[in-house]
Amino acid sequence: MTDQPKIEARDNGPLVGKDVSQMVGEDGAAMECKPVMGLCRCGHSKNKPYCDGSHVDAGFDSALGKPAGRDRLIEYTGTEANVFYNPMLCSHAAECGRIAKNIFDTTKKPWVQPDNGTMEELRAVVAACPSGALSLKGTDGMPAHLTGDVPKITVEKNGPLWVENITPPADPTGQGQTAEKYVLCRCGLSGNKPFCDGTHSDAGWKSEG
């Protein structure tokens, strides 16, 4: 094993995990991790999340396109903390609304209202945001993305790979993005490959089949 697990991206091919020791499936159960394993990112494998070579017949193109959201940091100011949001990085996991809808409510304008909740709720949401699209700056002036300390991959049902503390296949591309927490496209449709830009949600992509 190396000191740091990593993920590589093959041109027009799969993601390749190396020395990844922990991966959690869509059902929350631990999945098999091999020292070197191919992970589907074309969206067509019959053995998801693993690659089965379907990218060849599908003519998968790993080239960058136009991201679904703009790469910009939007600041929402609160009394105790400011929340920052980058639309290009958002994978639409909706953890923010699930945990603290009182603060993060897409039916309201602005959709982020930091003073509608507590610092504990803000920290919980930022920690749960899998893509790093949400970050937090408290009154101490220090920004935080808040991630765990265990290298792992979590497979989201009908969504991307959530990755923590694993060297990414490309340098962070979006403002505010870090190499410690990010999401990787596995539907093949993202305009920000290898990272997810939320297109799977708009396209109604399903991981089954």
N, C-alpha and C. Protein backbone atom coordinates (compact mmCIF):
# COMPACT_ATOMS: atom_id res chain seq x y z
N MET A 1 0.83 -1.20 0.00
CA MET A 1 0.00 0.00 0.00
C MET A 1 0.87 1.26 0.00
N THR A 2 0.45 2.29 -0.70
CA THR A 2 1.15 3.56 -0.68
C THR A 2 0.64 4.40 0.49
N ASP A 3 1.33 5.50 0.76
CA ASP A 3 0.89 6.37 1.85
C ASP A 3 -0.45 7.01 1.54
N GLN A 4 -0.72 7.30 0.26
CA GLN A 4 -1.91 8.01 -0.11
C GLN A 4 -2.61 7.33 -1.29
N PRO A 5 -3.85 6.87 -1.10
CA PRO A 5 -4.60 6.30 -2.22
C PRO A 5 -4.90 7.39 -3.24
N LYS A 6 -5.14 6.97 -4.49
CA LYS A 6 -5.41 7.96 -5.53
C LYS A 6 -6.36 7.38 -6.57
N ILE A 7 -6.93 8.28 -7.35
CA ILE A 7 -7.79 7.91 -8.45
C ILE A 7 -7.24 8.56 -9.71
N GLU A 8 -7.11 7.77 -10.77
CA GLU A 8 -6.67 8.28 -12.06
C GLU A 8 -7.82 8.21 -13.05
N ALA A 9 -7.77 9.02 -14.09
CA ALA A 9 -8.80 9.02 -15.12
C ALA A 9 -8.16 8.66 -16.46
N ARG A 10 -8.60 7.56 -17.05
CA ARG A 10 -8.09 7.15 -18.35
C ARG A 10 -8.83 7.90 -19.46
N ASP A 11 -8.09 8.35 -20.47
CA ASP A 11 -8.73 9.04 -21.59
C ASP A 11 -9.77 8.13 -22.23
N ASN A 12 -10.99 8.64 -22.34
CA ASN A 12 -12.11 7.91 -22.94
C ASN A 12 -12.35 6.55 -22.29
N GLY A 13 -11.89 6.43 -21.06
CA GLY A 13 -12.04 5.17 -20.34
C GLY A 13 -12.44 5.40 -18.90
N PRO A 14 -12.22 4.40 -18.05
CA PRO A 14 -12.73 4.47 -16.68
C PRO A 14 -11.88 5.30 -15.75
N LEU A 15 -12.40 5.47 -14.54
CA LEU A 15 -11.60 5.93 -13.42
C LEU A 15 -10.87 4.72 -12.87
N VAL A 16 -9.67 4.91 -12.39
CA VAL A 16 -8.89 3.80 -11.84
C VAL A 16 -8.48 4.15 -10.41
N GLY A 17 -9.04 3.41 -9.46
CA GLY A 17 -8.68 3.60 -8.07
C GLY A 17 -7.48 2.76 -7.70
N LYS A 18 -6.52 3.37 -7.03
CA LYS A 18 -5.32 2.67 -6.63
C LYS A 18 -5.13 2.80 -5.12
N ASP A 19 -5.01 1.64 -4.48
CA ASP A 19 -4.80 1.55 -3.04
C ASP A 19 -5.93 2.17 -2.24
N VAL A 20 -7.14 2.15 -2.80
CA VAL A 20 -8.33 2.59 -2.08
C VAL A 20 -8.79 1.43 -1.21
N SER A 21 -8.92 1.65 0.08
CA SER A 21 -9.23 0.56 1.00
C SER A 21 -10.67 0.55 1.49
N GLN A 22 -11.42 1.63 1.20
CA GLN A 22 -12.79 1.69 1.70
C GLN A 22 -13.72 2.29 0.65
N MET A 23 -14.76 1.51 0.30
CA MET A 23 -15.78 2.00 -0.62
C MET A 23 -17.14 1.52 -0.13
N VAL A 24 -18.08 2.44 -0.08
CA VAL A 24 -19.42 2.16 0.42
C VAL A 24 -20.40 2.22 -0.75
N GLY A 25 -21.23 1.18 -0.89
CA GLY A 25 -22.15 1.10 -2.00
C GLY A 25 -23.41 1.92 -1.81
N GLU A 26 -24.28 1.87 -2.82
CA GLU A 26 -25.53 2.62 -2.78
C GLU A 26 -26.40 2.25 -1.59
N ASP A 27 -26.27 1.01 -1.14
CA ASP A 27 -27.09 0.54 -0.02
C ASP A 27 -26.44 0.76 1.34
N GLY A 28 -25.27 1.40 1.34
CA GLY A 28 -24.57 1.66 2.58
C GLY A 28 -23.65 0.55 3.04
N ALA A 29 -23.60 -0.54 2.28
CA ALA A 29 -22.76 -1.68 2.64
C ALA A 29 -21.36 -1.52 2.05
N ALA A 30 -20.38 -2.11 2.72
CA ALA A 30 -19.01 -2.07 2.24
C ALA A 30 -18.89 -2.88 0.95
N MET A 31 -18.08 -2.35 0.02
CA MET A 31 -17.87 -3.01 -1.26
C MET A 31 -16.42 -3.47 -1.37
N GLU A 32 -16.20 -4.42 -2.26
CA GLU A 32 -14.86 -4.94 -2.48
C GLU A 32 -13.95 -3.87 -3.06
N CYS A 33 -12.76 -3.76 -2.49
CA CYS A 33 -11.75 -2.84 -3.01
C CYS A 33 -10.50 -3.64 -3.37
N LYS A 34 -10.12 -3.59 -4.63
CA LYS A 34 -8.88 -4.22 -5.06
C LYS A 34 -7.77 -3.18 -5.09
N PRO A 35 -6.50 -3.62 -5.04
CA PRO A 35 -5.40 -2.66 -5.07
C PRO A 35 -5.48 -1.72 -6.27
N VAL A 36 -5.92 -2.25 -7.40
CA VAL A 36 -6.18 -1.45 -8.60
C VAL A 36 -7.54 -1.86 -9.13
N MET A 37 -8.47 -0.91 -9.28
CA MET A 37 -9.81 -1.26 -9.74
C MET A 37 -10.36 -0.18 -10.67
N GLY A 38 -10.99 -0.65 -11.74
CA GLY A 38 -11.61 0.25 -12.69
C GLY A 38 -13.03 0.60 -12.25
N LEU A 39 -13.35 1.87 -12.26
CA LEU A 39 -14.67 2.35 -11.86
C LEU A 39 -15.32 3.04 -13.05
N CYS A 40 -16.56 2.65 -13.33
CA CYS A 40 -17.27 3.17 -14.50
C CYS A 40 -17.50 4.67 -14.40
N ARG A 41 -17.25 5.37 -15.50
CA ARG A 41 -17.62 6.78 -15.57
C ARG A 41 -18.30 7.12 -16.89
N CYS A 42 -18.66 6.08 -17.65
CA CYS A 42 -19.37 6.31 -18.91
C CYS A 42 -20.88 6.19 -18.73
N GLY A 43 -21.29 5.56 -17.61
CA GLY A 43 -22.71 5.40 -17.32
C GLY A 43 -23.35 4.16 -17.88
N HIS A 44 -22.56 3.30 -18.56
CA HIS A 44 -23.15 2.16 -19.27
C HIS A 44 -22.77 0.78 -18.72
N SER A 45 -21.86 0.71 -17.78
CA SER A 45 -21.44 -0.59 -17.26
C SER A 45 -22.62 -1.37 -16.69
N LYS A 46 -22.62 -2.67 -16.92
CA LYS A 46 -23.64 -3.55 -16.33
C LYS A 46 -23.21 -4.02 -14.94
N ASN A 47 -22.03 -3.57 -14.50
CA ASN A 47 -21.49 -4.00 -13.22
C ASN A 47 -21.10 -2.80 -12.37
N LYS A 48 -21.90 -1.74 -12.44
CA LYS A 48 -21.61 -0.51 -11.69
C LYS A 48 -21.48 -0.80 -10.19
N PRO A 49 -20.58 -0.13 -9.51
CA PRO A 49 -19.78 0.99 -9.97
C PRO A 49 -18.50 0.60 -10.69
N TYR A 50 -18.29 -0.71 -10.88
CA TYR A 50 -17.07 -1.16 -11.53
C TYR A 50 -17.20 -1.06 -13.06
N CYS A 51 -16.08 -0.89 -13.72
CA CYS A 51 -16.04 -0.84 -15.18
C CYS A 51 -16.10 -2.25 -15.76
N ASP A 52 -16.87 -2.42 -16.84
CA ASP A 52 -16.90 -3.71 -17.53
C ASP A 52 -16.52 -3.57 -19.00
N GLY A 53 -15.95 -2.42 -19.36
CA GLY A 53 -15.51 -2.18 -20.73
C GLY A 53 -16.57 -1.59 -21.64
N SER A 54 -17.74 -1.28 -21.10
CA SER A 54 -18.83 -0.76 -21.93
C SER A 54 -18.52 0.58 -22.57
N HIS A 55 -17.55 1.31 -22.01
CA HIS A 55 -17.21 2.62 -22.57
C HIS A 55 -16.74 2.52 -24.02
N VAL A 56 -16.17 1.36 -24.39
CA VAL A 56 -15.68 1.19 -25.75
C VAL A 56 -16.84 1.17 -26.74
N ASP A 57 -17.82 0.29 -26.49
CA ASP A 57 -18.98 0.21 -27.39
C ASP A 57 -19.82 1.48 -27.35
N ALA A 58 -19.84 2.15 -26.19
CA ALA A 58 -20.64 3.36 -26.06
C ALA A 58 -19.98 4.57 -26.71
N GLY A 59 -18.70 4.44 -27.07
CA GLY A 59 -17.98 5.57 -27.65
C GLY A 59 -17.82 6.72 -26.67
N PHE A 60 -17.57 6.39 -25.42
CA PHE A 60 -17.47 7.40 -24.38
C PHE A 60 -16.37 8.40 -24.68
N ASP A 61 -16.67 9.68 -24.53
CA ASP A 61 -15.72 10.76 -24.75
C ASP A 61 -15.47 11.47 -23.43
N SER A 62 -14.25 11.44 -22.96
CA SER A 62 -13.93 12.03 -21.65
C SER A 62 -13.55 13.50 -21.74
N ALA A 63 -13.66 14.10 -22.91
CA ALA A 63 -13.29 15.50 -23.07
C ALA A 63 -14.23 16.41 -22.29
N LEU A 64 -13.70 17.53 -21.88
CA LEU A 64 -14.50 18.52 -21.17
C LEU A 64 -15.57 19.12 -22.08
N GLY A 65 -16.66 19.51 -21.48
CA GLY A 65 -17.72 20.19 -22.21
C GLY A 65 -18.04 21.49 -21.54
N LYS A 66 -19.29 21.86 -21.53
CA LYS A 66 -19.73 23.08 -20.85
C LYS A 66 -20.41 22.69 -19.55
N PRO A 67 -19.84 23.07 -18.41
CA PRO A 67 -20.45 22.72 -17.11
C PRO A 67 -21.87 23.25 -16.99
N ALA A 68 -22.69 22.54 -16.24
CA ALA A 68 -24.10 22.92 -16.08
C ALA A 68 -24.24 24.22 -15.30
N GLY A 69 -23.32 24.48 -14.39
CA GLY A 69 -23.38 25.71 -13.59
C GLY A 69 -22.14 26.55 -13.77
N ARG A 70 -22.25 27.83 -13.49
CA ARG A 70 -21.11 28.73 -13.61
C ARG A 70 -20.13 28.54 -12.47
N ASP A 71 -18.85 28.72 -12.78
CA ASP A 71 -17.80 28.62 -11.77
C ASP A 71 -17.65 29.97 -11.08
N ARG A 72 -18.41 30.14 -10.01
CA ARG A 72 -18.33 31.39 -9.25
C ARG A 72 -18.70 31.12 -7.80
N LEU A 73 -18.14 31.90 -6.91
CA LEU A 73 -18.46 31.79 -5.49
C LEU A 73 -19.51 32.83 -5.13
N ILE A 74 -20.67 32.36 -4.70
CA ILE A 74 -21.74 33.24 -4.26
C ILE A 74 -21.72 33.27 -2.73
N GLU A 75 -21.70 34.46 -2.17
CA GLU A 75 -21.59 34.61 -0.71
C GLU A 75 -22.94 34.97 -0.11
N TYR A 76 -23.29 34.23 0.95
CA TYR A 76 -24.51 34.51 1.71
C TYR A 76 -24.07 34.91 3.11
N THR A 77 -24.34 36.15 3.48
CA THR A 77 -23.80 36.74 4.71
C THR A 77 -24.73 36.51 5.90
N GLY A 78 -24.13 36.07 7.00
CA GLY A 78 -24.86 35.89 8.25
C GLY A 78 -24.16 36.61 9.38
N THR A 79 -24.79 36.62 10.53
CA THR A 79 -24.23 37.31 11.69
C THR A 79 -22.99 36.60 12.22
N GLU A 80 -23.07 35.26 12.30
CA GLU A 80 -21.97 34.48 12.85
C GLU A 80 -21.07 33.87 11.78
N ALA A 81 -21.60 33.69 10.58
CA ALA A 81 -20.81 33.05 9.54
C ALA A 81 -21.36 33.40 8.16
N ASN A 82 -20.48 33.34 7.17
CA ASN A 82 -20.87 33.51 5.78
C ASN A 82 -20.76 32.17 5.07
N VAL A 83 -21.74 31.84 4.26
CA VAL A 83 -21.75 30.61 3.49
C VAL A 83 -21.40 30.94 2.05
N PHE A 84 -20.52 30.13 1.45
CA PHE A 84 -20.14 30.31 0.05
C PHE A 84 -20.64 29.11 -0.75
N TYR A 85 -21.10 29.39 -1.98
CA TYR A 85 -21.67 28.34 -2.82
C TYR A 85 -21.16 28.49 -4.25
N ASN A 86 -20.66 27.37 -4.83
CA ASN A 86 -20.22 27.37 -6.22
C ASN A 86 -21.16 26.48 -7.03
N PRO A 87 -21.99 27.05 -7.92
CA PRO A 87 -22.96 26.26 -8.68
C PRO A 87 -22.32 25.19 -9.54
N MET A 88 -21.11 25.43 -10.06
CA MET A 88 -20.48 24.45 -10.95
C MET A 88 -20.13 23.16 -10.22
N LEU A 89 -19.87 23.25 -8.94
CA LEU A 89 -19.46 22.08 -8.17
C LEU A 89 -20.64 21.30 -7.61
N CYS A 90 -21.82 21.89 -7.61
CA CYS A 90 -22.97 21.27 -6.95
C CYS A 90 -23.41 20.00 -7.67
N SER A 91 -23.54 18.90 -6.93
CA SER A 91 -23.97 17.63 -7.50
C SER A 91 -25.44 17.35 -7.23
N HIS A 92 -26.14 18.28 -6.62
CA HIS A 92 -27.56 18.15 -6.30
C HIS A 92 -27.85 16.97 -5.38
N ALA A 93 -26.94 16.71 -4.47
CA ALA A 93 -27.16 15.64 -3.50
C ALA A 93 -28.25 16.02 -2.50
N ALA A 94 -28.49 17.31 -2.35
CA ALA A 94 -29.56 17.84 -1.50
C ALA A 94 -29.39 17.52 -0.02
N GLU A 95 -28.16 17.28 0.41
CA GLU A 95 -27.91 17.07 1.84
C GLU A 95 -28.21 18.32 2.64
N CYS A 96 -28.00 19.49 2.02
CA CYS A 96 -28.23 20.74 2.75
C CYS A 96 -29.69 20.89 3.16
N GLY A 97 -30.61 20.64 2.22
CA GLY A 97 -32.03 20.75 2.54
C GLY A 97 -32.51 19.66 3.47
N ARG A 98 -31.89 18.49 3.38
CA ARG A 98 -32.28 17.39 4.26
C ARG A 98 -31.90 17.68 5.70
N ILE A 99 -30.74 18.27 5.90
CA ILE A 99 -30.23 18.49 7.25
C ILE A 99 -30.77 19.78 7.86
N ALA A 100 -30.84 20.84 7.05
CA ALA A 100 -31.24 22.14 7.62
C ALA A 100 -32.05 22.93 6.59
N LYS A 101 -33.26 22.49 6.33
CA LYS A 101 -34.12 23.19 5.38
C LYS A 101 -34.48 24.59 5.87
N ASN A 102 -34.38 24.80 7.17
CA ASN A 102 -34.62 26.14 7.71
C ASN A 102 -33.59 27.15 7.22
N ILE A 103 -32.41 26.66 6.83
CA ILE A 103 -31.35 27.52 6.32
C ILE A 103 -31.23 27.44 4.80
N PHE A 104 -31.33 26.21 4.28
CA PHE A 104 -31.13 25.97 2.85
C PHE A 104 -32.46 25.55 2.24
N ASP A 105 -33.15 26.49 1.65
CA ASP A 105 -34.49 26.24 1.11
C ASP A 105 -34.58 26.83 -0.29
N THR A 106 -34.62 25.97 -1.32
CA THR A 106 -34.61 26.44 -2.71
C THR A 106 -35.91 27.12 -3.12
N THR A 107 -36.93 27.06 -2.27
CA THR A 107 -38.19 27.74 -2.60
C THR A 107 -38.18 29.20 -2.14
N LYS A 108 -37.10 29.60 -1.47
CA LYS A 108 -37.02 30.97 -0.95
C LYS A 108 -35.89 31.74 -1.63
N LYS A 109 -35.95 33.05 -1.53
CA LYS A 109 -34.89 33.91 -2.05
C LYS A 109 -34.42 34.84 -0.93
N PRO A 110 -33.12 34.84 -0.63
CA PRO A 110 -32.13 33.90 -1.15
C PRO A 110 -32.33 32.50 -0.58
N TRP A 111 -31.86 31.51 -1.31
CA TRP A 111 -32.12 30.13 -0.88
C TRP A 111 -31.25 29.72 0.31
N VAL A 112 -30.20 30.50 0.59
CA VAL A 112 -29.37 30.26 1.77
C VAL A 112 -29.53 31.46 2.71
N GLN A 113 -30.00 31.18 3.93
CA GLN A 113 -30.19 32.24 4.93
C GLN A 113 -29.51 31.80 6.23
N PRO A 114 -28.20 32.12 6.37
CA PRO A 114 -27.40 31.63 7.49
C PRO A 114 -27.97 31.93 8.87
N ASP A 115 -28.67 33.05 9.03
CA ASP A 115 -29.18 33.42 10.35
C ASP A 115 -30.46 32.69 10.73
N ASN A 116 -30.95 31.81 9.85
CA ASN A 116 -32.16 31.05 10.18
C ASN A 116 -31.87 29.78 10.96
N GLY A 117 -30.60 29.57 11.31
CA GLY A 117 -30.23 28.38 12.06
C GLY A 117 -29.01 28.64 12.92
N THR A 118 -28.43 27.57 13.41
CA THR A 118 -27.29 27.67 14.32
C THR A 118 -25.98 27.36 13.61
N MET A 119 -24.88 27.72 14.26
CA MET A 119 -23.56 27.38 13.73
C MET A 119 -23.39 25.87 13.63
N GLU A 120 -23.95 25.14 14.58
CA GLU A 120 -23.85 23.69 14.54
C GLU A 120 -24.52 23.13 13.28
N GLU A 121 -25.68 23.70 12.92
CA GLU A 121 -26.37 23.26 11.71
C GLU A 121 -25.56 23.61 10.46
N LEU A 122 -24.99 24.80 10.44
CA LEU A 122 -24.17 25.20 9.30
C LEU A 122 -22.98 24.27 9.13
N ARG A 123 -22.32 23.97 10.22
CA ARG A 123 -21.16 23.07 10.14
C ARG A 123 -21.57 21.68 9.68
N ALA A 124 -22.72 21.20 10.16
CA ALA A 124 -23.20 19.88 9.77
C ALA A 124 -23.49 19.82 8.28
N VAL A 125 -24.07 20.87 7.74
CA VAL A 125 -24.39 20.89 6.31
C VAL A 125 -23.12 20.94 5.47
N VAL A 126 -22.20 21.82 5.82
CA VAL A 126 -20.96 21.94 5.06
C VAL A 126 -20.16 20.64 5.12
N ALA A 127 -20.17 19.99 6.27
CA ALA A 127 -19.48 18.71 6.40
C ALA A 127 -20.13 17.64 5.53
N ALA A 128 -21.46 17.70 5.38
CA ALA A 128 -22.18 16.67 4.62
C ALA A 128 -22.18 16.93 3.13
N CYS A 129 -21.90 18.15 2.70
CA CYS A 129 -21.89 18.48 1.27
C CYS A 129 -20.79 17.68 0.59
N PRO A 130 -21.12 16.71 -0.28
CA PRO A 130 -20.10 15.81 -0.80
C PRO A 130 -19.16 16.43 -1.83
N SER A 131 -19.62 17.49 -2.50
CA SER A 131 -18.83 18.05 -3.60
C SER A 131 -17.91 19.18 -3.18
N GLY A 132 -18.14 19.74 -2.00
CA GLY A 132 -17.40 20.92 -1.59
C GLY A 132 -17.96 22.19 -2.19
N ALA A 133 -19.17 22.11 -2.78
CA ALA A 133 -19.80 23.30 -3.35
C ALA A 133 -20.12 24.32 -2.27
N LEU A 134 -20.34 23.85 -1.05
CA LEU A 134 -20.63 24.73 0.07
C LEU A 134 -19.41 24.82 0.98
N SER A 135 -19.05 26.02 1.34
CA SER A 135 -17.98 26.23 2.32
C SER A 135 -18.44 27.31 3.29
N LEU A 136 -17.70 27.44 4.35
CA LEU A 136 -18.15 28.26 5.48
C LEU A 136 -17.00 29.11 5.98
N LYS A 137 -17.28 30.37 6.29
CA LYS A 137 -16.29 31.22 6.93
C LYS A 137 -16.93 31.85 8.15
N GLY A 138 -16.40 31.49 9.31
CA GLY A 138 -16.94 32.00 10.56
C GLY A 138 -16.35 33.35 10.93
N THR A 139 -16.71 33.82 12.10
CA THR A 139 -16.23 35.12 12.55
C THR A 139 -14.72 35.13 12.81
N ASP A 140 -14.12 33.92 12.89
CA ASP A 140 -12.67 33.86 13.07
C ASP A 140 -11.93 34.07 11.75
N GLY A 141 -12.70 34.17 10.64
CA GLY A 141 -12.10 34.44 9.34
C GLY A 141 -11.55 33.24 8.63
N MET A 142 -11.66 32.06 9.24
CA MET A 142 -11.09 30.86 8.64
C MET A 142 -12.15 30.12 7.83
N PRO A 143 -11.87 29.86 6.53
CA PRO A 143 -12.81 29.09 5.73
C PRO A 143 -12.73 27.61 6.10
N ALA A 144 -13.82 26.91 5.89
CA ALA A 144 -13.83 25.48 6.21
C ALA A 144 -14.75 24.73 5.26
N HIS A 145 -14.28 23.55 4.81
CA HIS A 145 -15.13 22.65 4.03
C HIS A 145 -15.60 21.50 4.92
N LEU A 146 -14.84 21.20 5.94
CA LEU A 146 -15.21 20.20 6.94
C LEU A 146 -15.40 18.81 6.32
N THR A 147 -14.35 18.03 6.38
CA THR A 147 -14.41 16.68 5.86
C THR A 147 -13.90 15.71 6.92
N GLY A 148 -14.16 14.43 6.73
CA GLY A 148 -13.64 13.43 7.65
C GLY A 148 -12.16 13.20 7.39
N ASP A 149 -11.57 12.28 8.15
CA ASP A 149 -10.14 12.03 7.98
C ASP A 149 -9.86 10.63 7.43
N VAL A 150 -10.89 9.93 6.97
CA VAL A 150 -10.73 8.57 6.44
C VAL A 150 -10.83 8.60 4.92
N PRO A 151 -9.83 8.06 4.20
CA PRO A 151 -9.93 7.99 2.75
C PRO A 151 -11.02 6.99 2.34
N LYS A 152 -12.00 7.45 1.59
CA LYS A 152 -13.06 6.54 1.18
C LYS A 152 -13.84 7.07 -0.01
N ILE A 153 -14.52 6.14 -0.67
CA ILE A 153 -15.43 6.45 -1.77
C ILE A 153 -16.82 6.01 -1.35
N THR A 154 -17.80 6.86 -1.56
CA THR A 154 -19.20 6.51 -1.32
C THR A 154 -19.94 6.61 -2.65
N VAL A 155 -20.66 5.55 -3.00
CA VAL A 155 -21.39 5.51 -4.27
C VAL A 155 -22.81 6.01 -4.03
N GLU A 156 -23.16 7.14 -4.63
CA GLU A 156 -24.50 7.67 -4.49
C GLU A 156 -25.45 6.99 -5.47
N LYS A 157 -26.61 6.58 -5.01
CA LYS A 157 -27.60 5.98 -5.91
C LYS A 157 -28.02 7.02 -6.94
N ASN A 158 -27.97 6.63 -8.21
CA ASN A 158 -28.34 7.52 -9.32
C ASN A 158 -27.54 8.81 -9.33
N GLY A 159 -26.32 8.73 -8.81
CA GLY A 159 -25.49 9.91 -8.73
C GLY A 159 -24.01 9.59 -8.80
N PRO A 160 -23.17 10.54 -8.44
CA PRO A 160 -21.73 10.40 -8.60
C PRO A 160 -21.06 9.62 -7.48
N LEU A 161 -19.74 9.55 -7.58
CA LEU A 161 -18.91 9.00 -6.52
C LEU A 161 -18.52 10.13 -5.58
N TRP A 162 -18.79 9.95 -4.29
CA TRP A 162 -18.36 10.92 -3.29
C TRP A 162 -16.99 10.47 -2.80
N VAL A 163 -16.01 11.35 -2.87
CA VAL A 163 -14.64 10.97 -2.53
C VAL A 163 -14.09 11.88 -1.44
N GLU A 164 -13.46 11.24 -0.46
CA GLU A 164 -12.83 11.99 0.62
C GLU A 164 -11.40 11.51 0.83
N ASN A 165 -10.49 12.45 0.92
CA ASN A 165 -9.09 12.19 1.32
C ASN A 165 -8.40 11.19 0.40
N ILE A 166 -8.69 11.26 -0.88
CA ILE A 166 -8.03 10.45 -1.89
C ILE A 166 -7.55 11.40 -2.98
N THR A 167 -6.30 11.27 -3.39
CA THR A 167 -5.75 12.16 -4.42
C THR A 167 -6.61 12.11 -5.67
N PRO A 168 -7.11 13.26 -6.15
CA PRO A 168 -8.04 13.28 -7.27
C PRO A 168 -7.36 13.02 -8.62
N PRO A 169 -8.16 12.67 -9.63
CA PRO A 169 -7.60 12.39 -10.96
C PRO A 169 -7.22 13.64 -11.74
N ALA A 170 -7.58 14.80 -11.24
CA ALA A 170 -7.23 16.06 -11.89
C ALA A 170 -7.15 17.14 -10.82
N ASP A 171 -6.46 18.21 -11.13
CA ASP A 171 -6.39 19.32 -10.19
C ASP A 171 -7.79 19.92 -10.01
N PRO A 172 -8.11 20.40 -8.81
CA PRO A 172 -9.40 21.06 -8.61
C PRO A 172 -9.62 22.15 -9.65
N THR A 173 -10.82 22.20 -10.21
CA THR A 173 -11.09 23.13 -11.31
C THR A 173 -11.96 24.31 -10.89
N GLY A 174 -12.74 24.16 -9.83
CA GLY A 174 -13.68 25.21 -9.46
C GLY A 174 -13.22 26.03 -8.29
N GLN A 175 -13.68 27.27 -8.23
CA GLN A 175 -13.36 28.12 -7.11
C GLN A 175 -13.89 27.50 -5.81
N GLY A 176 -13.01 27.40 -4.84
CA GLY A 176 -13.40 26.82 -3.57
C GLY A 176 -13.27 25.31 -3.49
N GLN A 177 -13.00 24.65 -4.62
CA GLN A 177 -12.88 23.19 -4.62
C GLN A 177 -11.57 22.77 -3.98
N THR A 178 -11.58 21.65 -3.29
CA THR A 178 -10.37 21.13 -2.66
C THR A 178 -10.09 19.72 -3.14
N ALA A 179 -8.88 19.26 -2.87
CA ALA A 179 -8.49 17.90 -3.24
C ALA A 179 -8.87 16.91 -2.16
N GLU A 180 -9.43 17.39 -1.05
CA GLU A 180 -9.79 16.51 0.06
C GLU A 180 -11.22 15.99 -0.04
N LYS A 181 -12.09 16.75 -0.75
CA LYS A 181 -13.49 16.33 -0.86
C LYS A 181 -14.03 16.78 -2.20
N TYR A 182 -14.54 15.82 -2.98
CA TYR A 182 -15.03 16.15 -4.31
C TYR A 182 -15.94 15.02 -4.80
N VAL A 183 -16.62 15.25 -5.91
CA VAL A 183 -17.49 14.21 -6.49
C VAL A 183 -17.07 13.97 -7.92
N LEU A 184 -17.08 12.70 -8.33
CA LEU A 184 -16.66 12.31 -9.67
C LEU A 184 -17.84 11.79 -10.47
N CYS A 185 -17.95 12.27 -11.71
CA CYS A 185 -19.03 11.87 -12.60
C CYS A 185 -18.97 10.37 -12.90
N ARG A 186 -20.14 9.72 -12.88
CA ARG A 186 -20.20 8.34 -13.34
C ARG A 186 -21.36 8.10 -14.30
N CYS A 187 -22.00 9.20 -14.74
CA CYS A 187 -23.07 9.06 -15.74
C CYS A 187 -22.55 9.32 -17.15
N GLY A 188 -21.36 9.93 -17.25
CA GLY A 188 -20.77 10.23 -18.54
C GLY A 188 -21.25 11.53 -19.16
N LEU A 189 -22.07 12.29 -18.45
CA LEU A 189 -22.73 13.45 -19.04
C LEU A 189 -22.19 14.79 -18.54
N SER A 190 -21.37 14.79 -17.52
CA SER A 190 -20.89 16.03 -16.93
C SER A 190 -20.10 16.87 -17.94
N GLY A 191 -20.27 18.18 -17.86
CA GLY A 191 -19.46 19.08 -18.67
C GLY A 191 -18.19 19.48 -17.96
N ASN A 192 -17.95 18.90 -16.78
CA ASN A 192 -16.77 19.24 -15.98
C ASN A 192 -16.01 17.97 -15.62
N LYS A 193 -15.99 17.00 -16.54
CA LYS A 193 -15.30 15.73 -16.27
C LYS A 193 -13.84 15.98 -15.89
N PRO A 194 -13.28 15.19 -14.97
CA PRO A 194 -13.89 13.99 -14.37
C PRO A 194 -14.84 14.29 -13.21
N PHE A 195 -14.98 15.57 -12.87
CA PHE A 195 -15.84 15.93 -11.75
C PHE A 195 -17.31 16.01 -12.18
N CYS A 196 -18.19 15.81 -11.22
CA CYS A 196 -19.63 15.89 -11.46
C CYS A 196 -20.07 17.34 -11.45
N ASP A 197 -21.02 17.69 -12.34
CA ASP A 197 -21.59 19.03 -12.33
C ASP A 197 -23.10 19.02 -12.13
N GLY A 198 -23.64 17.86 -11.72
CA GLY A 198 -25.06 17.76 -11.44
C GLY A 198 -25.92 17.40 -12.63
N THR A 199 -25.33 17.16 -13.81
CA THR A 199 -26.11 16.88 -15.01
C THR A 199 -26.93 15.60 -14.87
N HIS A 200 -26.43 14.64 -14.11
CA HIS A 200 -27.17 13.38 -13.94
C HIS A 200 -28.57 13.62 -13.40
N SER A 201 -28.70 14.62 -12.52
CA SER A 201 -30.00 14.93 -11.93
C SER A 201 -30.95 15.51 -12.97
N ASP A 202 -30.45 16.46 -13.75
CA ASP A 202 -31.29 17.07 -14.79
C ASP A 202 -31.67 16.07 -15.87
N ALA A 203 -30.78 15.12 -16.16
CA ALA A 203 -31.01 14.14 -17.21
C ALA A 203 -31.82 12.94 -16.72
N GLY A 204 -32.02 12.84 -15.41
CA GLY A 204 -32.75 11.70 -14.86
C GLY A 204 -31.98 10.39 -15.00
N TRP A 205 -30.65 10.45 -14.93
CA TRP A 205 -29.82 9.26 -15.09
C TRP A 205 -30.05 8.28 -13.94
N LYS A 206 -30.12 7.00 -14.27
CA LYS A 206 -30.30 5.96 -13.27
C LYS A 206 -29.10 5.02 -13.28
N SER A 207 -28.66 4.64 -12.10
CA SER A 207 -27.48 3.78 -12.01
C SER A 207 -27.82 2.32 -12.26
N GLU A 208 -29.08 1.96 -12.21
CA GLU A 208 -29.47 0.58 -12.49
C GLU A 208 -29.70 0.41 -13.99
N GLY A 209 -29.41 -0.81 -14.47
CA GLY A 209 -29.64 -1.10 -15.88
C GLY A 209 -28.44 -0.80 -16.73
